[in-house]
Amino acid sequence: MDQVDDKSLTENSAPANRTSLWGGRFAGGPSEALARLSVSVQFDWRLAPYDIAGSRAHARVLAGAGLLDPEELGRILAALDDLEAACASGAFRPTVDDEDVHTALERGLLERLGSLGGKLRAGRSRNDQVATDLRLYLRDHARGVASRLVELADALVEQAERHVDTAAPGMTHLQHAQPVTFGHWLLAHVQPLLRDLERLRDWDHRTAVSPLGAGALAGSGLPLDPVAVSKELGFRTSFANSMDAVADRDFVAEFLFITAMVGVHLSRLGEEVVLWTSHEFGWVELDDAFATGSSIMPQKKNADIAELARGKSGRLVGGLVAVLTMLKGLPMTYDRDMQEDKEPAFDAVDTLELLLPALAGMISTMTVRVDRLVAAAPVGFSLATEVADWLVRKGVPFRDAHEITGKLVALCAVRDCALDEVSDEELAMVSEHLDPSVRDVLSVRSALAARTTPGSTGPGPVADQLATAADRLAGWREWAAEQVVPR
């Protein structure tokens, strides 16, 4: 159930008798200004299915405590099923008088059950309800985000498989450094995504704690069973402290940290695609379906998806900062400030579910210009480290080898020639340790072949990385497909 905008709320007719979850001690209703400030149903309506799931579990616990008889329980469960179907179809929608998702759904229940619907209020508060709903929502949608992350990682892996031995100019400081394989480079973007997936799973373990039964803050004086509720809702355990249960928003902040970190990783990938597709690099050509043009310059082909990946990282980081700032200094337990926790979380989910498929499509369909990559691989004296390593293998201390190689590079810069174009006499002039056999290591192919240690850029280690990444992604695919919220 999507976010509801203010216009759709206005267009819904208000019920004859306004439903409210509070107000008995007040002589009148809230001012218009307070009502407008307090209303959250326009964005928290998407929690409706999770709130209904919690209501089912709570109804069964009330029945177990003898507070609902079997006939009442059956009627309430049937009404909740009907209400859920009506919400899904759009037949039931919140109105302008519904303060939040909880108010709207109670109104729907009262419309179906009359006063019996009010019995479901016993033993719970909006404080533990919303904390439960939001945990359920984020645990559910974390799997969706994980699934999209796997799709992007799959696209990178598939491209890497095509370029296990394609030479490319590896860079530090955006300067040519050492030759690498382009497959190795692409897999370097897979590793952060795997860490993001690990973070999501770790986060899910900590988040799988049910707050339902904590009430407003003190627990319940009714004989309820929070553990039974937690099991029915797919949590691994129930809360340990009722005050913490309703005050805790660590799970929101941590989720937003993970999504911000994902945003940073996507931004770095996006920046590289922007560079790779520029005329100056020309390493990659984007498929027409995943690029845009200019309204005035007919020749343009812009990497808009990659640029939006950079741009949207800002809102993901901003959401984290907003929630951390909101939480800082809040007293125990529930405070209305916490209404501000949901929109950043919802926005993070929406942003990634929109961005990740576009990035995956862009990566999977891009064409790699192998000729340009191979030509650029040895540029900028990128084989200098091979000379230093060659000297080390001959027994020269690396400090001296580094100095000798630096002098060789300086000579080549003055002569405007490549390392392998220096004459035998010039090699000897630079150092007594240099002889013509050094030319054996002065090729990109030999440099790559020499990188045989695990995790290196040589074709062998890259093939091993591919196999490991594919195996890990298969496991993450299974985790992302798990159903954590009962349907």
Protein backbone atom coordinates (compact mmCIF):
# COMPACT_ATOMS: atom_id res chain seq x y z
CA MET A 1 0.00 0.00 0.00
CA ASP A 2 1.59 3.18 -1.22
CA GLN A 3 1.90 6.59 0.31
CA VAL A 4 -1.32 8.59 0.25
CA ASP A 5 -1.09 12.21 -0.87
CA ASP A 6 -2.92 15.11 0.72
CA LYS A 7 -5.20 15.51 -2.29
CA SER A 8 -6.51 11.96 -2.08
CA LEU A 9 -7.14 12.45 1.64
CA THR A 10 -9.13 15.58 0.95
CA GLU A 11 -11.21 13.91 -1.72
CA ASN A 12 -12.25 11.08 0.58
CA SER A 13 -15.42 11.77 2.46
CA ALA A 14 -15.01 11.93 6.22
CA PRO A 15 -16.98 9.53 8.41
CA ALA A 16 -20.05 10.82 10.19
CA ASN A 17 -18.43 10.27 13.61
CA ARG A 18 -14.74 11.05 13.73
CA THR A 19 -12.64 8.14 15.00
CA SER A 20 -9.97 9.04 17.52
CA LEU A 21 -7.66 6.91 19.64
CA TRP A 22 -7.54 9.56 22.36
CA GLY A 23 -9.51 12.54 23.65
CA GLY A 24 -11.60 11.40 26.61
CA ARG A 25 -10.09 13.94 28.98
CA PHE A 26 -10.31 16.80 26.45
CA ALA A 27 -13.28 19.19 26.31
CA GLY A 28 -12.86 19.76 22.58
CA GLY A 29 -11.04 18.52 19.54
CA PRO A 30 -7.59 19.63 18.39
CA SER A 31 -7.13 22.92 16.58
CA GLU A 32 -6.80 22.78 12.81
CA ALA A 33 -3.13 23.75 13.10
CA LEU A 34 -2.43 20.91 15.55
CA ALA A 35 -4.39 18.42 13.47
CA ARG A 36 -2.49 19.34 10.31
CA LEU A 37 0.84 19.10 12.10
CA SER A 38 0.03 15.77 13.74
CA VAL A 39 -1.40 13.92 10.78
CA SER A 40 0.89 11.22 9.38
CA VAL A 41 -1.50 8.94 7.54
CA GLN A 42 -0.45 10.41 4.18
CA PHE A 43 2.88 8.61 4.54
CA ASP A 44 2.38 5.90 7.18
CA TRP A 45 -0.53 4.31 5.31
CA ARG A 46 1.95 1.94 3.71
CA LEU A 47 2.23 0.30 7.15
CA ALA A 48 -1.41 -0.88 6.95
CA PRO A 49 -0.75 -4.55 6.04
CA TYR A 50 1.79 -4.82 8.85
CA ASP A 51 -0.54 -3.18 11.34
CA ILE A 52 -3.26 -5.66 10.36
CA ALA A 53 -0.83 -8.56 10.78
CA GLY A 54 -0.04 -7.27 14.28
CA SER A 55 -3.75 -6.94 15.02
CA ARG A 56 -4.34 -10.60 14.11
CA ALA A 57 -1.57 -11.73 16.44
CA HIS A 58 -2.83 -9.45 19.21
CA ALA A 59 -6.39 -10.74 18.82
CA ARG A 60 -5.21 -14.31 19.29
CA VAL A 61 -3.23 -13.34 22.39
CA LEU A 62 -6.30 -11.57 23.83
CA ALA A 63 -8.30 -14.73 23.21
CA GLY A 64 -5.59 -16.80 24.90
CA ALA A 65 -5.86 -14.51 27.90
CA GLY A 66 -9.61 -15.05 28.05
CA LEU A 67 -10.39 -11.47 26.99
CA LEU A 68 -12.09 -12.57 23.75
CA ASP A 69 -14.29 -15.61 23.44
CA PRO A 70 -13.90 -17.90 20.40
CA GLU A 71 -16.86 -16.36 18.60
CA GLU A 72 -15.51 -12.83 19.10
CA LEU A 73 -12.06 -13.90 17.93
CA GLY A 74 -13.51 -15.43 14.78
CA ARG A 75 -15.48 -12.28 13.99
CA ILE A 76 -12.47 -10.04 14.56
CA LEU A 77 -10.17 -12.17 12.39
CA ALA A 78 -12.77 -12.27 9.61
CA ALA A 79 -13.19 -8.50 9.81
CA LEU A 80 -9.41 -8.01 9.66
CA ASP A 81 -9.23 -10.23 6.57
CA ASP A 82 -11.99 -8.22 4.94
CA LEU A 83 -10.35 -4.93 5.90
CA GLU A 84 -7.01 -6.05 4.52
CA ALA A 85 -8.61 -6.99 1.20
CA ALA A 86 -10.40 -3.65 1.08
CA CYS A 87 -7.15 -1.80 1.75
CA ALA A 88 -5.36 -3.74 -0.96
CA SER A 89 -8.07 -3.08 -3.54
CA GLY A 90 -8.46 0.56 -2.61
CA ALA A 91 -12.06 0.11 -1.46
CA PHE A 92 -10.99 1.30 1.98
CA ARG A 93 -8.80 4.38 2.18
CA PRO A 94 -7.85 6.82 4.91
CA THR A 95 -9.78 10.07 5.15
CA VAL A 96 -8.84 13.60 6.05
CA ASP A 97 -9.97 12.94 9.64
CA ASP A 98 -7.74 9.91 10.15
CA GLU A 99 -4.72 11.00 12.13
CA ASP A 100 -2.59 8.01 11.26
CA VAL A 101 -2.70 4.47 9.91
CA HIS A 102 -3.79 3.10 13.30
CA THR A 103 -6.74 5.49 13.50
CA ALA A 104 -7.83 4.70 9.96
CA LEU A 105 -7.73 0.95 10.49
CA GLU A 106 -9.58 1.15 13.80
CA ARG A 107 -12.27 3.12 11.98
CA GLY A 108 -12.46 0.37 9.38
CA LEU A 109 -12.75 -2.26 12.08
CA LEU A 110 -15.47 -0.37 13.92
CA GLU A 111 -17.41 0.01 10.68
CA ARG A 112 -17.36 -3.78 10.33
CA LEU A 113 -17.78 -4.87 13.96
CA GLY A 114 -19.28 -2.01 15.92
CA SER A 115 -18.24 -1.94 19.56
CA LEU A 116 -16.56 -5.36 19.30
CA GLY A 117 -13.83 -3.70 17.24
CA GLY A 118 -12.94 -1.60 20.24
CA LYS A 119 -11.92 -4.68 22.24
CA LEU A 120 -8.78 -5.00 20.13
CA ARG A 121 -7.41 -1.86 21.77
CA ALA A 122 -6.89 -3.65 25.08
CA GLY A 123 -3.27 -4.18 26.11
CA ARG A 124 -1.58 -2.23 23.34
CA SER A 125 -0.72 1.34 22.43
CA ARG A 126 0.15 3.18 19.28
CA ASN A 127 3.65 3.33 20.77
CA ASP A 128 4.28 -0.41 20.57
CA GLN A 129 2.11 -0.75 17.46
CA VAL A 130 4.10 1.66 15.32
CA ALA A 131 7.43 0.29 16.53
CA THR A 132 6.23 -3.19 15.54
CA ASP A 133 4.81 -2.07 12.20
CA LEU A 134 7.97 -0.26 11.19
CA ARG A 135 10.18 -3.22 12.10
CA LEU A 136 7.96 -5.52 10.04
CA TYR A 137 7.94 -3.11 7.09
CA LEU A 138 11.70 -2.61 7.05
CA ARG A 139 12.50 -6.30 7.52
CA ASP A 140 10.20 -7.07 4.61
CA HIS A 141 11.58 -4.36 2.34
CA ALA A 142 15.19 -5.01 3.30
CA ARG A 143 14.77 -8.28 1.40
CA GLY A 144 13.57 -6.31 -1.61
CA VAL A 145 16.58 -4.02 -1.44
CA ALA A 146 18.83 -7.07 -1.06
CA SER A 147 17.29 -8.66 -4.13
CA ARG A 148 17.99 -5.53 -6.18
CA LEU A 149 21.58 -5.43 -4.85
CA VAL A 150 22.05 -9.02 -5.97
CA GLU A 151 20.77 -8.11 -9.45
CA LEU A 152 23.31 -5.31 -9.75
CA ALA A 153 26.10 -7.55 -8.46
CA ASP A 154 25.03 -10.21 -10.97
CA ALA A 155 25.29 -7.67 -13.79
CA LEU A 156 28.80 -6.70 -12.68
CA VAL A 157 29.81 -10.36 -12.39
CA GLU A 158 28.48 -11.14 -15.87
CA GLN A 159 30.49 -8.29 -17.35
CA ALA A 160 33.55 -9.36 -15.37
CA GLU A 161 33.27 -12.89 -16.79
CA ARG A 162 33.66 -11.41 -20.28
CA HIS A 163 36.78 -9.51 -19.28
CA VAL A 164 38.77 -11.86 -17.06
CA ASP A 165 41.92 -11.17 -19.09
CA THR A 166 41.08 -7.80 -20.67
CA ALA A 167 43.94 -5.46 -19.80
CA ALA A 168 43.09 -2.06 -18.40
CA PRO A 169 45.01 0.81 -16.81
CA GLY A 170 44.59 0.55 -13.06
CA MET A 171 44.63 3.91 -11.31
CA THR A 172 45.39 5.61 -8.03
CA HIS A 173 44.71 9.34 -7.61
CA LEU A 174 43.03 8.99 -11.03
CA GLN A 175 46.52 8.60 -12.50
CA HIS A 176 47.77 5.54 -14.36
CA ALA A 177 49.35 3.22 -11.80
CA GLN A 178 49.61 -0.47 -12.77
CA PRO A 179 47.90 -2.66 -15.33
CA VAL A 180 44.88 -4.60 -14.12
CA THR A 181 42.24 -6.69 -15.80
CA PHE A 182 38.93 -4.98 -16.38
CA GLY A 183 37.23 -8.01 -14.85
CA HIS A 184 39.17 -7.36 -11.65
CA TRP A 185 38.06 -3.72 -11.71
CA LEU A 186 34.40 -4.65 -12.12
CA LEU A 187 34.64 -7.18 -9.30
CA ALA A 188 36.06 -4.45 -7.08
CA HIS A 189 32.56 -2.92 -7.23
CA VAL A 190 30.97 -6.26 -6.32
CA GLN A 191 32.81 -6.54 -3.00
CA PRO A 192 31.16 -3.44 -1.43
CA LEU A 193 27.76 -4.75 -2.49
CA LEU A 194 28.50 -8.06 -0.77
CA ARG A 195 29.41 -6.14 2.38
CA ASP A 196 26.14 -4.21 2.10
CA LEU A 197 24.28 -7.51 1.92
CA GLU A 198 26.12 -8.74 5.00
CA ARG A 199 25.17 -5.56 6.83
CA LEU A 200 21.51 -6.06 5.93
CA ARG A 201 21.52 -9.60 7.30
CA ASP A 202 23.27 -8.53 10.51
CA TRP A 203 20.82 -5.66 10.86
CA ASP A 204 17.89 -8.02 10.33
CA HIS A 205 19.05 -10.24 13.20
CA ARG A 206 19.08 -7.27 15.59
CA THR A 207 15.79 -5.91 14.24
CA ALA A 208 13.89 -9.20 14.59
CA VAL A 209 12.73 -8.30 18.12
CA SER A 210 9.03 -7.68 18.68
CA PRO A 211 7.98 -4.58 20.70
CA LEU A 212 4.31 -5.62 20.75
CA GLY A 213 3.12 -6.01 24.32
CA ALA A 214 5.23 -3.16 25.66
CA GLY A 215 2.15 -0.94 25.62
CA ALA A 216 2.77 2.76 25.96
CA LEU A 217 5.95 2.16 27.96
CA ALA A 218 5.26 -0.01 31.04
CA GLY A 219 4.09 -3.29 29.56
CA SER A 220 0.58 -4.55 30.29
CA GLY A 221 -1.40 -5.41 33.38
CA LEU A 222 -3.38 -7.90 31.28
CA PRO A 223 -2.19 -11.53 31.03
CA LEU A 224 -0.74 -11.18 27.51
CA ASP A 225 1.95 -13.26 25.87
CA PRO A 226 4.50 -11.09 23.98
CA VAL A 227 6.59 -14.13 23.09
CA ALA A 228 3.68 -15.80 21.29
CA VAL A 229 3.02 -12.57 19.41
CA SER A 230 6.67 -12.32 18.37
CA LYS A 231 6.67 -15.86 16.97
CA GLU A 232 3.48 -15.33 15.01
CA LEU A 233 4.89 -12.16 13.44
CA GLY A 234 8.12 -13.81 12.38
CA PHE A 235 10.37 -12.24 14.99
CA ARG A 236 13.04 -14.31 16.69
CA THR A 237 12.27 -12.97 20.18
CA SER A 238 10.33 -10.41 22.17
CA PHE A 239 11.49 -7.22 23.89
CA ALA A 240 13.55 -7.34 27.09
CA ASN A 241 12.53 -3.94 28.47
CA SER A 242 9.20 -2.29 27.71
CA MET A 243 10.58 1.26 27.92
CA ASP A 244 13.37 0.51 25.50
CA ALA A 245 10.95 -1.34 23.23
CA VAL A 246 8.95 1.80 22.44
CA ALA A 247 11.92 4.21 22.58
CA ASP A 248 14.30 2.22 20.38
CA ARG A 249 14.83 3.52 16.87
CA ASP A 250 18.34 2.13 16.52
CA PHE A 251 16.97 -0.18 13.87
CA VAL A 252 15.82 2.77 11.75
CA ALA A 253 19.12 4.64 12.11
CA GLU A 254 21.11 1.49 11.37
CA PHE A 255 18.97 0.70 8.33
CA LEU A 256 19.56 4.24 7.09
CA PHE A 257 23.30 3.88 7.66
CA ILE A 258 23.27 0.77 5.49
CA THR A 259 21.27 2.47 2.75
CA ALA A 260 23.56 5.52 2.96
CA MET A 261 26.54 3.21 2.60
CA VAL A 262 24.87 1.57 -0.39
CA GLY A 263 24.32 5.05 -1.81
CA VAL A 264 28.02 5.84 -1.44
CA HIS A 265 28.97 2.62 -3.20
CA LEU A 266 26.52 3.29 -6.04
CA SER A 267 27.81 6.84 -6.32
CA ARG A 268 31.39 5.61 -6.75
CA LEU A 269 30.28 3.16 -9.41
CA GLY A 270 28.27 5.90 -11.10
CA GLU A 271 31.25 8.27 -11.13
CA GLU A 272 33.41 5.65 -12.81
CA VAL A 273 30.79 4.97 -15.48
CA VAL A 274 30.61 8.72 -16.15
CA LEU A 275 34.39 8.73 -16.63
CA TRP A 276 34.48 5.53 -18.68
CA THR A 277 31.84 6.82 -21.10
CA SER A 278 33.46 10.23 -21.58
CA HIS A 279 35.24 11.04 -24.84
CA GLU A 280 38.52 11.36 -22.95
CA PHE A 281 38.29 7.75 -21.71
CA GLY A 282 36.02 6.10 -24.26
CA TRP A 283 36.23 2.74 -22.54
CA VAL A 284 32.51 2.01 -22.41
CA GLU A 285 29.50 2.64 -24.64
CA LEU A 286 26.08 2.68 -23.00
CA ASP A 287 23.09 1.04 -24.59
CA ASP A 288 20.64 3.58 -25.99
CA ALA A 289 17.92 2.29 -23.65
CA PHE A 290 20.01 3.30 -20.64
CA ALA A 291 21.25 6.72 -21.74
CA THR A 292 19.69 10.07 -22.57
CA GLY A 293 20.30 12.88 -25.05
CA SER A 294 20.34 16.65 -25.03
CA SER A 295 17.48 18.98 -25.87
CA ILE A 296 19.81 21.26 -27.82
CA MET A 297 22.92 19.20 -28.77
CA PRO A 298 21.94 16.33 -31.06
CA GLN A 299 25.24 14.48 -30.67
CA LYS A 300 25.03 14.04 -26.90
CA LYS A 301 24.67 10.69 -25.13
CA ASN A 302 24.53 11.19 -21.40
CA ALA A 303 25.07 8.68 -18.57
CA ASP A 304 22.09 10.01 -16.61
CA ILE A 305 21.57 6.82 -14.58
CA ALA A 306 25.16 6.97 -13.35
CA GLU A 307 24.79 10.67 -12.55
CA LEU A 308 21.56 10.07 -10.66
CA ALA A 309 23.33 7.35 -8.67
CA ARG A 310 25.78 10.02 -7.56
CA GLY A 311 23.04 12.53 -6.87
CA LYS A 312 20.70 10.26 -4.95
CA SER A 313 23.46 9.29 -2.55
CA GLY A 314 22.93 12.74 -1.06
CA ARG A 315 19.35 12.08 -0.05
CA LEU A 316 20.30 8.68 1.39
CA VAL A 317 23.04 10.22 3.52
CA GLY A 318 20.67 13.06 4.41
CA GLY A 319 18.02 10.66 5.67
CA LEU A 320 20.53 9.10 8.06
CA VAL A 321 21.64 12.49 9.35
CA ALA A 322 18.02 13.61 9.82
CA VAL A 323 17.11 10.58 11.96
CA LEU A 324 20.29 10.64 14.02
CA THR A 325 19.74 14.33 14.71
CA MET A 326 16.10 13.71 15.63
CA LEU A 327 17.04 10.93 18.06
CA LYS A 328 19.88 12.82 19.72
CA GLY A 329 18.92 13.85 23.23
CA LEU A 330 15.38 12.40 23.28
CA PRO A 331 14.23 11.44 26.78
CA MET A 332 12.72 8.04 27.44
CA THR A 333 10.37 6.77 26.16
CA TYR A 334 8.16 7.64 23.20
CA ASP A 335 8.25 11.24 21.96
CA ARG A 336 6.32 12.68 19.05
CA ASP A 337 9.64 13.56 17.42
CA MET A 338 9.72 9.90 16.40
CA GLN A 339 7.03 10.57 13.82
CA GLU A 340 9.97 11.88 11.77
CA ASP A 341 11.59 8.43 11.59
CA LYS A 342 9.36 6.99 8.90
CA GLU A 343 9.64 9.28 5.90
CA PRO A 344 13.46 8.98 5.62
CA ALA A 345 13.18 5.20 5.94
CA PHE A 346 10.42 5.00 3.34
CA ASP A 347 12.33 7.32 1.05
CA ALA A 348 15.48 5.21 1.32
CA VAL A 349 13.54 2.09 0.33
CA ASP A 350 11.82 3.87 -2.55
CA THR A 351 15.07 5.43 -3.79
CA LEU A 352 16.98 2.15 -3.89
CA GLU A 353 14.11 0.15 -5.38
CA LEU A 354 14.00 2.75 -8.17
CA LEU A 355 17.73 3.22 -8.69
CA LEU A 356 19.15 -0.30 -8.41
CA PRO A 357 17.24 -1.88 -11.34
CA ALA A 358 18.25 1.03 -13.58
CA LEU A 359 21.90 0.61 -12.64
CA ALA A 360 21.74 -3.15 -13.17
CA GLY A 361 20.25 -2.64 -16.63
CA MET A 362 22.88 -0.04 -17.50
CA ILE A 363 25.76 -2.30 -16.43
CA SER A 364 24.42 -5.47 -18.04
CA THR A 365 23.88 -3.81 -21.45
CA MET A 366 26.98 -1.61 -21.70
CA THR A 367 29.59 -2.39 -24.34
CA VAL A 368 33.22 -2.43 -23.24
CA ARG A 369 35.72 -1.02 -25.75
CA VAL A 370 38.44 -3.61 -25.31
CA ASP A 371 40.73 -1.96 -27.86
CA ARG A 372 40.73 1.34 -25.95
CA LEU A 373 41.36 -0.39 -22.62
CA VAL A 374 44.24 -2.49 -23.92
CA ALA A 375 45.84 0.52 -25.61
CA ALA A 376 45.62 2.55 -22.40
CA ALA A 377 46.95 -0.18 -20.08
CA PRO A 378 50.72 0.53 -20.49
CA VAL A 379 50.37 4.32 -20.76
CA GLY A 380 51.98 6.50 -18.11
CA PHE A 381 54.89 4.16 -17.31
CA SER A 382 52.44 1.81 -15.59
CA LEU A 383 54.96 -1.05 -15.90
CA ALA A 384 57.51 0.67 -13.67
CA THR A 385 56.59 -1.49 -10.69
CA GLU A 386 57.46 -4.55 -12.77
CA VAL A 387 61.00 -3.22 -13.09
CA ALA A 388 61.25 -2.68 -9.34
CA ASP A 389 59.93 -6.19 -8.64
CA TRP A 390 62.38 -7.62 -11.21
CA LEU A 391 65.24 -5.93 -9.36
CA VAL A 392 63.98 -7.28 -6.02
CA ARG A 393 63.97 -10.81 -7.43
CA LYS A 394 67.63 -10.24 -8.35
CA GLY A 395 68.41 -9.41 -4.72
CA VAL A 396 68.28 -5.60 -4.85
CA PRO A 397 66.65 -4.08 -1.72
CA PHE A 398 63.31 -2.58 -2.65
CA ARG A 399 64.38 0.86 -1.43
CA ASP A 400 67.21 0.81 -3.96
CA ALA A 401 65.03 -0.83 -6.62
CA HIS A 402 62.47 1.97 -6.22
CA GLU A 403 65.20 4.61 -6.66
CA ILE A 404 66.69 2.92 -9.72
CA THR A 405 63.29 2.53 -11.36
CA GLY A 406 62.48 6.16 -10.66
CA LYS A 407 65.65 7.22 -12.46
CA LEU A 408 64.73 4.99 -15.40
CA VAL A 409 61.30 6.62 -15.60
CA ALA A 410 62.89 10.08 -15.45
CA LEU A 411 65.17 9.15 -18.36
CA CYS A 412 62.19 7.92 -20.39
CA ALA A 413 60.28 11.12 -19.65
CA VAL A 414 63.17 13.19 -20.97
CA ARG A 415 63.64 10.98 -24.04
CA ASP A 416 59.84 10.71 -24.57
CA CYS A 417 60.04 6.94 -24.91
CA ALA A 418 58.53 3.85 -23.27
CA LEU A 419 60.38 1.77 -20.69
CA ASP A 420 61.05 -1.05 -23.14
CA GLU A 421 62.51 1.39 -25.70
CA VAL A 422 65.57 2.30 -23.61
CA SER A 423 68.81 1.01 -25.13
CA ASP A 424 71.09 -1.50 -23.44
CA GLU A 425 73.68 1.24 -22.89
CA GLU A 426 71.11 3.53 -21.27
CA LEU A 427 69.96 0.73 -18.96
CA ALA A 428 73.52 0.20 -17.79
CA MET A 429 73.96 3.95 -17.39
CA VAL A 430 70.98 4.12 -15.04
CA SER A 431 72.18 1.20 -12.89
CA GLU A 432 74.60 -1.68 -12.99
CA HIS A 433 71.71 -3.89 -11.89
CA LEU A 434 69.74 -3.25 -15.09
CA ASP A 435 70.40 -5.46 -18.10
CA PRO A 436 68.50 -6.30 -21.30
CA SER A 437 66.64 -9.20 -19.66
CA VAL A 438 64.50 -6.66 -17.81
CA ARG A 439 62.53 -6.30 -21.04
CA ASP A 440 61.01 -9.73 -20.33
CA VAL A 441 58.76 -8.14 -17.70
CA LEU A 442 57.97 -4.99 -19.65
CA SER A 443 54.67 -6.11 -21.15
CA VAL A 444 51.16 -5.80 -19.84
CA ARG A 445 50.55 -9.49 -20.42
CA SER A 446 53.53 -10.53 -18.31
CA ALA A 447 52.60 -8.04 -15.61
CA LEU A 448 49.13 -9.52 -15.34
CA ALA A 449 50.37 -13.09 -15.48
CA ALA A 450 52.71 -12.36 -12.57
CA ARG A 451 49.78 -11.47 -10.32
CA THR A 452 48.95 -14.95 -9.07
CA THR A 453 48.34 -14.41 -5.36
CA PRO A 454 44.75 -14.64 -4.08
CA GLY A 455 42.74 -11.50 -4.70
CA SER A 456 45.21 -10.17 -7.27
CA THR A 457 44.42 -8.92 -10.75
CA GLY A 458 45.83 -11.83 -12.74
CA PRO A 459 43.40 -13.92 -14.80
CA GLY A 460 43.69 -16.88 -12.42
CA PRO A 461 42.85 -15.00 -9.22
CA VAL A 462 40.10 -13.11 -11.06
CA ALA A 463 38.53 -16.40 -12.13
CA ASP A 464 38.67 -17.52 -8.49
CA GLN A 465 37.00 -14.27 -7.40
CA LEU A 466 34.26 -14.83 -9.94
CA ALA A 467 33.54 -18.31 -8.63
CA THR A 468 33.44 -17.09 -5.02
CA ALA A 469 31.24 -14.11 -5.86
CA ALA A 470 28.80 -16.27 -7.81
CA ASP A 471 28.55 -18.71 -4.90
CA ARG A 472 27.98 -15.96 -2.35
CA LEU A 473 25.39 -14.25 -4.50
CA ALA A 474 23.47 -17.52 -4.80
CA GLY A 475 23.23 -17.59 -1.01
CA TRP A 476 22.13 -13.97 -0.86
CA ARG A 477 19.51 -14.65 -3.52
CA GLU A 478 17.99 -17.28 -1.22
CA TRP A 479 18.10 -14.94 1.78
CA ALA A 480 16.44 -12.12 -0.17
CA ALA A 481 13.62 -14.47 -1.19
CA GLU A 482 12.80 -15.44 2.41
CA GLN A 483 9.37 -14.45 3.67
CA VAL A 484 9.81 -12.88 7.07
CA VAL A 485 6.37 -11.36 7.57
CA PRO A 486 3.43 -13.81 7.74
CA ARG A 487 0.91 -13.36 4.94
